[in-house]
Structure formats: C-alpha cells, structure tokens
Amino acid sequence: MHRFLAPLAALAFIVVPTAASATIYAAVPITHAPLGRIMASDISWYCGSDACQGSSEESRPLVLCQGLAARTGRLASFLADGRAFSPTELDRCNSRARGPAPLARAN
C-alpha cells in the first residue's frame, strides 16, 4: 500500500501551485488624503496622516499609482517594493490625478 501512496503524495506537492507574493506599495500625496481605506484600481489602500500604503499581487505599478492619484490628487512620491518612481514615471502617474494640473514655473 505504501508503494501506491508514495507517488501520489509526491505528485500532490508538484501539482499544488505556490502562492504569489504581494508587492508592497507606498505613496505620499501632495495634499492630505482622506484618512482610512481607499479602494482604487484593484488595491485597497490605507491612508494615514502622511502617506498611503497597500499591497497587491497586481504587477502594474503605474496603473495602481494612477488609480490612487485619481482618488487623492497628485502624489509627491510612489514606491513599488521599495523602488521609487522616477520623475517621468511620477508625471505619468499624476496625469490621472483629480483637480487642476499645477502651473509651470518660470525661471
């Protein structure tokens, strides 16, 4: 009987998929975001007094950033697993922010 169960037990470990790990996201809104939970673009954000944080198995940081910006306004920074968005990426994210776009500064 053990000879029959051993191959089945081994097969069970091979067939069972491993769970994907969630990516941690953090953002700092330019203006204060509403405190508490915000649902935006397949992620549940928790916003405190200084920043918003969430985690998701989604692998589209730009889309998640744009969804949060649409709900909170422009973001000063956005991190995906500790990697900060570049200024160009942050500009693309903030293109979906609610409210008026900032005025260009003259030198």
N, C-alpha and C. Protein backbone atom coordinates (compact mmCIF):
# COMPACT_ATOMS: atom_id res chain seq x y z
N MET A 1 0.82 -1.20 0.00
CA MET A 1 0.00 0.00 0.00
C MET A 1 0.86 1.26 0.00
N HIS A 2 1.99 1.23 0.70
CA HIS A 2 2.88 2.40 0.73
C HIS A 2 3.45 2.70 -0.65
N ARG A 3 3.67 1.65 -1.46
CA ARG A 3 4.21 1.88 -2.79
C ARG A 3 3.20 2.63 -3.67
N PHE A 4 1.93 2.50 -3.41
CA PHE A 4 0.89 3.19 -4.16
C PHE A 4 0.73 4.64 -3.68
N LEU A 5 0.81 4.89 -2.39
CA LEU A 5 0.60 6.23 -1.85
C LEU A 5 1.80 7.16 -2.04
N ALA A 6 3.00 6.62 -2.04
CA ALA A 6 4.19 7.47 -2.15
C ALA A 6 4.20 8.29 -3.45
N PRO A 7 3.95 7.69 -4.63
CA PRO A 7 3.92 8.51 -5.85
C PRO A 7 2.80 9.56 -5.85
N LEU A 8 1.65 9.23 -5.27
CA LEU A 8 0.55 10.20 -5.19
C LEU A 8 0.92 11.37 -4.29
N ALA A 9 1.56 11.08 -3.18
CA ALA A 9 1.98 12.15 -2.27
C ALA A 9 3.00 13.05 -2.95
N ALA A 10 3.93 12.48 -3.67
CA ALA A 10 4.94 13.28 -4.37
C ALA A 10 4.29 14.13 -5.45
N LEU A 11 3.31 13.58 -6.16
CA LEU A 11 2.61 14.31 -7.20
C LEU A 11 1.82 15.47 -6.61
N ALA A 12 1.26 15.29 -5.44
CA ALA A 12 0.48 16.36 -4.81
C ALA A 12 1.35 17.58 -4.54
N PHE A 13 2.60 17.39 -4.16
CA PHE A 13 3.50 18.52 -3.91
C PHE A 13 3.91 19.21 -5.20
N ILE A 14 3.96 18.51 -6.29
CA ILE A 14 4.35 19.09 -7.56
C ILE A 14 3.21 19.88 -8.18
N VAL A 15 1.98 19.39 -8.06
CA VAL A 15 0.83 19.99 -8.72
C VAL A 15 0.31 21.21 -7.98
N VAL A 16 0.49 21.28 -6.65
CA VAL A 16 -0.05 22.39 -5.87
C VAL A 16 0.72 23.66 -6.22
N PRO A 17 0.03 24.69 -6.72
CA PRO A 17 0.73 25.92 -7.08
C PRO A 17 1.17 26.68 -5.83
N THR A 18 2.25 27.41 -5.96
CA THR A 18 2.70 28.23 -4.85
C THR A 18 2.01 29.58 -4.94
N ALA A 19 1.74 30.17 -3.81
CA ALA A 19 1.08 31.47 -3.78
C ALA A 19 2.07 32.56 -4.18
N ALA A 20 1.59 33.47 -5.00
CA ALA A 20 2.44 34.59 -5.41
C ALA A 20 2.54 35.58 -4.25
N SER A 21 3.68 36.18 -4.09
CA SER A 21 3.83 37.14 -3.01
C SER A 21 3.32 38.50 -3.47
N ALA A 22 2.73 39.21 -2.55
CA ALA A 22 2.17 40.51 -2.86
C ALA A 22 3.26 41.57 -2.84
N THR A 23 3.12 42.55 -3.71
CA THR A 23 4.04 43.68 -3.75
C THR A 23 3.51 44.76 -2.82
N ILE A 24 4.40 45.39 -2.08
CA ILE A 24 4.04 46.47 -1.17
C ILE A 24 4.20 47.79 -1.90
N TYR A 25 3.17 48.62 -1.82
CA TYR A 25 3.17 49.93 -2.46
C TYR A 25 3.01 51.01 -1.39
N ALA A 26 3.65 52.13 -1.60
CA ALA A 26 3.52 53.28 -0.70
C ALA A 26 3.51 54.55 -1.53
N ALA A 27 2.74 55.53 -1.08
CA ALA A 27 2.64 56.80 -1.79
C ALA A 27 2.47 57.94 -0.82
N VAL A 28 2.97 59.09 -1.20
CA VAL A 28 2.81 60.30 -0.39
C VAL A 28 2.04 61.31 -1.24
N PRO A 29 0.77 61.56 -0.88
CA PRO A 29 0.01 62.58 -1.60
C PRO A 29 0.55 63.97 -1.30
N ILE A 30 0.45 64.89 -2.27
CA ILE A 30 0.89 66.26 -2.05
C ILE A 30 0.00 66.94 -1.02
N THR A 31 -1.31 66.74 -1.15
CA THR A 31 -2.24 67.22 -0.14
C THR A 31 -2.67 66.02 0.69
N HIS A 32 -3.20 66.27 1.86
CA HIS A 32 -3.60 65.16 2.73
C HIS A 32 -4.73 64.35 2.09
N ALA A 33 -4.52 63.05 2.03
CA ALA A 33 -5.56 62.14 1.52
C ALA A 33 -6.57 61.91 2.63
N PRO A 34 -7.78 61.51 2.28
CA PRO A 34 -8.75 61.16 3.32
C PRO A 34 -8.20 60.00 4.16
N LEU A 35 -8.33 60.09 5.47
CA LEU A 35 -7.84 59.04 6.34
C LEU A 35 -8.70 57.79 6.20
N GLY A 36 -8.07 56.63 6.28
CA GLY A 36 -8.79 55.37 6.22
C GLY A 36 -8.54 54.62 4.94
N ARG A 37 -9.46 53.73 4.59
CA ARG A 37 -9.31 52.87 3.42
C ARG A 37 -9.83 53.54 2.17
N ILE A 38 -9.09 53.32 1.07
CA ILE A 38 -9.49 53.80 -0.25
C ILE A 38 -9.34 52.63 -1.21
N MET A 39 -10.39 52.33 -1.95
CA MET A 39 -10.32 51.29 -2.98
C MET A 39 -10.07 51.97 -4.32
N ALA A 40 -9.01 51.54 -4.99
CA ALA A 40 -8.70 52.13 -6.30
C ALA A 40 -7.87 51.14 -7.10
N SER A 41 -8.28 50.85 -8.31
CA SER A 41 -7.52 50.02 -9.26
C SER A 41 -7.01 48.71 -8.66
N ASP A 42 -7.89 47.87 -8.20
CA ASP A 42 -7.55 46.53 -7.72
C ASP A 42 -6.67 46.50 -6.49
N ILE A 43 -6.70 47.55 -5.68
CA ILE A 43 -5.90 47.57 -4.46
C ILE A 43 -6.66 48.34 -3.39
N SER A 44 -6.54 47.86 -2.17
CA SER A 44 -7.11 48.56 -1.03
C SER A 44 -5.98 49.32 -0.35
N TRP A 45 -6.06 50.63 -0.38
CA TRP A 45 -5.05 51.50 0.22
C TRP A 45 -5.48 51.86 1.64
N TYR A 46 -4.53 52.00 2.54
CA TYR A 46 -4.81 52.57 3.85
C TYR A 46 -4.03 53.87 3.92
N CYS A 47 -4.73 54.96 4.09
CA CYS A 47 -4.09 56.27 4.14
C CYS A 47 -4.10 56.80 5.57
N GLY A 48 -2.90 57.13 6.05
CA GLY A 48 -2.73 57.76 7.34
C GLY A 48 -2.55 59.25 7.15
N SER A 49 -2.03 59.92 8.15
CA SER A 49 -1.89 61.37 8.07
C SER A 49 -0.81 61.81 7.10
N ASP A 50 0.20 60.96 6.85
CA ASP A 50 1.31 61.37 5.99
C ASP A 50 1.43 60.59 4.68
N ALA A 51 0.92 59.36 4.62
CA ALA A 51 1.15 58.52 3.45
C ALA A 51 0.05 57.48 3.31
N CYS A 52 0.04 56.85 2.14
CA CYS A 52 -0.88 55.75 1.85
C CYS A 52 -0.05 54.50 1.59
N GLN A 53 -0.60 53.36 1.99
CA GLN A 53 0.12 52.09 1.82
C GLN A 53 -0.88 51.01 1.45
N GLY A 54 -0.41 50.07 0.63
CA GLY A 54 -1.25 48.95 0.24
C GLY A 54 -0.40 47.83 -0.31
N SER A 55 -1.01 46.68 -0.52
CA SER A 55 -0.29 45.57 -1.14
C SER A 55 -1.23 44.87 -2.10
N SER A 56 -0.65 44.32 -3.16
CA SER A 56 -1.43 43.67 -4.19
C SER A 56 -0.55 42.70 -4.96
N GLU A 57 -1.16 41.70 -5.54
CA GLU A 57 -0.44 40.78 -6.42
C GLU A 57 -0.44 41.30 -7.86
N GLU A 58 -1.10 42.43 -8.09
CA GLU A 58 -1.11 43.05 -9.41
C GLU A 58 0.30 43.51 -9.75
N SER A 59 0.69 43.41 -10.99
CA SER A 59 2.04 43.79 -11.38
C SER A 59 2.03 45.00 -12.30
N ARG A 60 1.13 45.93 -12.03
CA ARG A 60 1.02 47.13 -12.86
C ARG A 60 1.14 48.37 -11.97
N PRO A 61 2.36 48.66 -11.50
CA PRO A 61 2.52 49.78 -10.58
C PRO A 61 1.99 51.11 -11.12
N LEU A 62 2.19 51.38 -12.40
CA LEU A 62 1.72 52.66 -12.96
C LEU A 62 0.20 52.77 -12.86
N VAL A 63 -0.50 51.69 -13.19
CA VAL A 63 -1.97 51.71 -13.13
C VAL A 63 -2.44 51.88 -11.68
N LEU A 64 -1.77 51.22 -10.73
CA LEU A 64 -2.14 51.36 -9.33
C LEU A 64 -1.87 52.78 -8.85
N CYS A 65 -0.76 53.35 -9.28
CA CYS A 65 -0.42 54.74 -8.93
C CYS A 65 -1.47 55.70 -9.49
N GLN A 66 -1.83 55.51 -10.75
CA GLN A 66 -2.82 56.39 -11.38
C GLN A 66 -4.17 56.28 -10.69
N GLY A 67 -4.54 55.08 -10.27
CA GLY A 67 -5.81 54.90 -9.57
C GLY A 67 -5.84 55.65 -8.25
N LEU A 68 -4.74 55.61 -7.52
CA LEU A 68 -4.67 56.33 -6.25
C LEU A 68 -4.66 57.84 -6.50
N ALA A 69 -3.90 58.29 -7.48
CA ALA A 69 -3.84 59.72 -7.79
C ALA A 69 -5.22 60.25 -8.20
N ALA A 70 -5.99 59.43 -8.90
CA ALA A 70 -7.33 59.83 -9.31
C ALA A 70 -8.24 60.03 -8.09
N ARG A 71 -7.95 59.32 -7.01
CA ARG A 71 -8.78 59.42 -5.81
C ARG A 71 -8.28 60.45 -4.80
N THR A 72 -6.96 60.66 -4.74
CA THR A 72 -6.39 61.53 -3.70
C THR A 72 -5.84 62.84 -4.22
N GLY A 73 -5.57 62.92 -5.50
CA GLY A 73 -4.88 64.08 -6.05
C GLY A 73 -3.43 63.72 -6.34
N ARG A 74 -2.65 64.70 -6.76
CA ARG A 74 -1.26 64.47 -7.16
C ARG A 74 -0.45 63.85 -6.03
N LEU A 75 0.50 62.99 -6.44
CA LEU A 75 1.37 62.32 -5.48
C LEU A 75 2.77 62.91 -5.54
N ALA A 76 3.39 63.06 -4.37
CA ALA A 76 4.77 63.56 -4.29
C ALA A 76 5.76 62.44 -4.54
N SER A 77 5.37 61.21 -4.18
CA SER A 77 6.24 60.05 -4.42
C SER A 77 5.41 58.78 -4.46
N PHE A 78 5.97 57.75 -5.10
CA PHE A 78 5.31 56.45 -5.20
C PHE A 78 6.39 55.39 -5.20
N LEU A 79 6.23 54.38 -4.35
CA LEU A 79 7.20 53.28 -4.26
C LEU A 79 6.51 51.96 -4.51
N ALA A 80 7.17 51.08 -5.26
CA ALA A 80 6.71 49.72 -5.51
C ALA A 80 7.81 48.79 -5.01
N ASP A 81 7.54 48.08 -3.91
CA ASP A 81 8.54 47.22 -3.27
C ASP A 81 9.85 47.96 -3.00
N GLY A 82 9.75 49.18 -2.54
CA GLY A 82 10.92 49.95 -2.17
C GLY A 82 11.58 50.71 -3.31
N ARG A 83 11.14 50.49 -4.55
CA ARG A 83 11.72 51.21 -5.69
C ARG A 83 10.86 52.43 -5.97
N ALA A 84 11.50 53.60 -5.89
CA ALA A 84 10.79 54.85 -6.12
C ALA A 84 10.58 55.09 -7.61
N PHE A 85 9.42 55.62 -7.95
CA PHE A 85 9.16 56.03 -9.33
C PHE A 85 10.13 57.15 -9.70
N SER A 86 10.57 57.14 -10.94
CA SER A 86 11.39 58.22 -11.48
C SER A 86 10.48 59.44 -11.68
N PRO A 87 11.07 60.63 -11.86
CA PRO A 87 10.23 61.81 -12.14
C PRO A 87 9.32 61.62 -13.36
N THR A 88 9.80 60.95 -14.39
CA THR A 88 8.98 60.70 -15.58
C THR A 88 7.81 59.77 -15.25
N GLU A 89 8.08 58.71 -14.51
CA GLU A 89 7.00 57.78 -14.12
C GLU A 89 5.98 58.49 -13.23
N LEU A 90 6.47 59.32 -12.31
CA LEU A 90 5.57 60.04 -11.41
C LEU A 90 4.70 61.03 -12.19
N ASP A 91 5.27 61.68 -13.20
CA ASP A 91 4.48 62.57 -14.05
C ASP A 91 3.37 61.81 -14.77
N ARG A 92 3.70 60.61 -15.28
CA ARG A 92 2.68 59.78 -15.96
C ARG A 92 1.59 59.37 -14.97
N CYS A 93 1.99 59.05 -13.75
CA CYS A 93 1.02 58.69 -12.71
C CYS A 93 0.11 59.87 -12.43
N ASN A 94 0.70 61.04 -12.19
CA ASN A 94 -0.08 62.22 -11.82
C ASN A 94 -0.92 62.77 -12.97
N SER A 95 -0.73 62.27 -14.18
CA SER A 95 -1.57 62.72 -15.30
C SER A 95 -3.03 62.34 -15.07
N ARG A 96 -3.28 61.38 -14.20
CA ARG A 96 -4.66 60.95 -13.90
C ARG A 96 -5.19 61.54 -12.59
N ALA A 97 -4.41 62.44 -11.98
CA ALA A 97 -4.80 62.99 -10.68
C ALA A 97 -6.03 63.87 -10.81
N ARG A 98 -6.82 63.87 -9.76
CA ARG A 98 -8.00 64.74 -9.77
C ARG A 98 -7.54 66.17 -9.49
N GLY A 99 -8.33 67.11 -9.89
CA GLY A 99 -8.00 68.51 -9.65
C GLY A 99 -7.17 69.09 -10.78
N PRO A 100 -6.92 70.38 -10.71
CA PRO A 100 -6.18 71.04 -11.78
C PRO A 100 -4.70 70.66 -11.76
N ALA A 101 -4.10 70.67 -12.92
CA ALA A 101 -2.66 70.43 -13.02
C ALA A 101 -1.92 71.65 -12.50
N PRO A 102 -0.75 71.45 -11.91
CA PRO A 102 -0.01 72.60 -11.40
C PRO A 102 0.47 73.49 -12.55
N LEU A 103 0.63 74.76 -12.25
CA LEU A 103 1.14 75.69 -13.25
C LEU A 103 2.62 75.48 -13.43
N ALA A 104 3.09 75.72 -14.65
CA ALA A 104 4.53 75.62 -14.92
C ALA A 104 5.22 76.80 -14.25
N ARG A 105 6.42 76.53 -13.75
CA ARG A 105 7.17 77.61 -13.11
C ARG A 105 8.10 78.27 -14.11
N ALA A 106 8.16 79.58 -14.05
CA ALA A 106 9.09 80.32 -14.90
C ALA A 106 10.40 80.49 -14.16
N ASN A 107 11.49 80.44 -14.89
CA ASN A 107 12.80 80.62 -14.26
C ASN A 107 13.22 82.06 -14.28
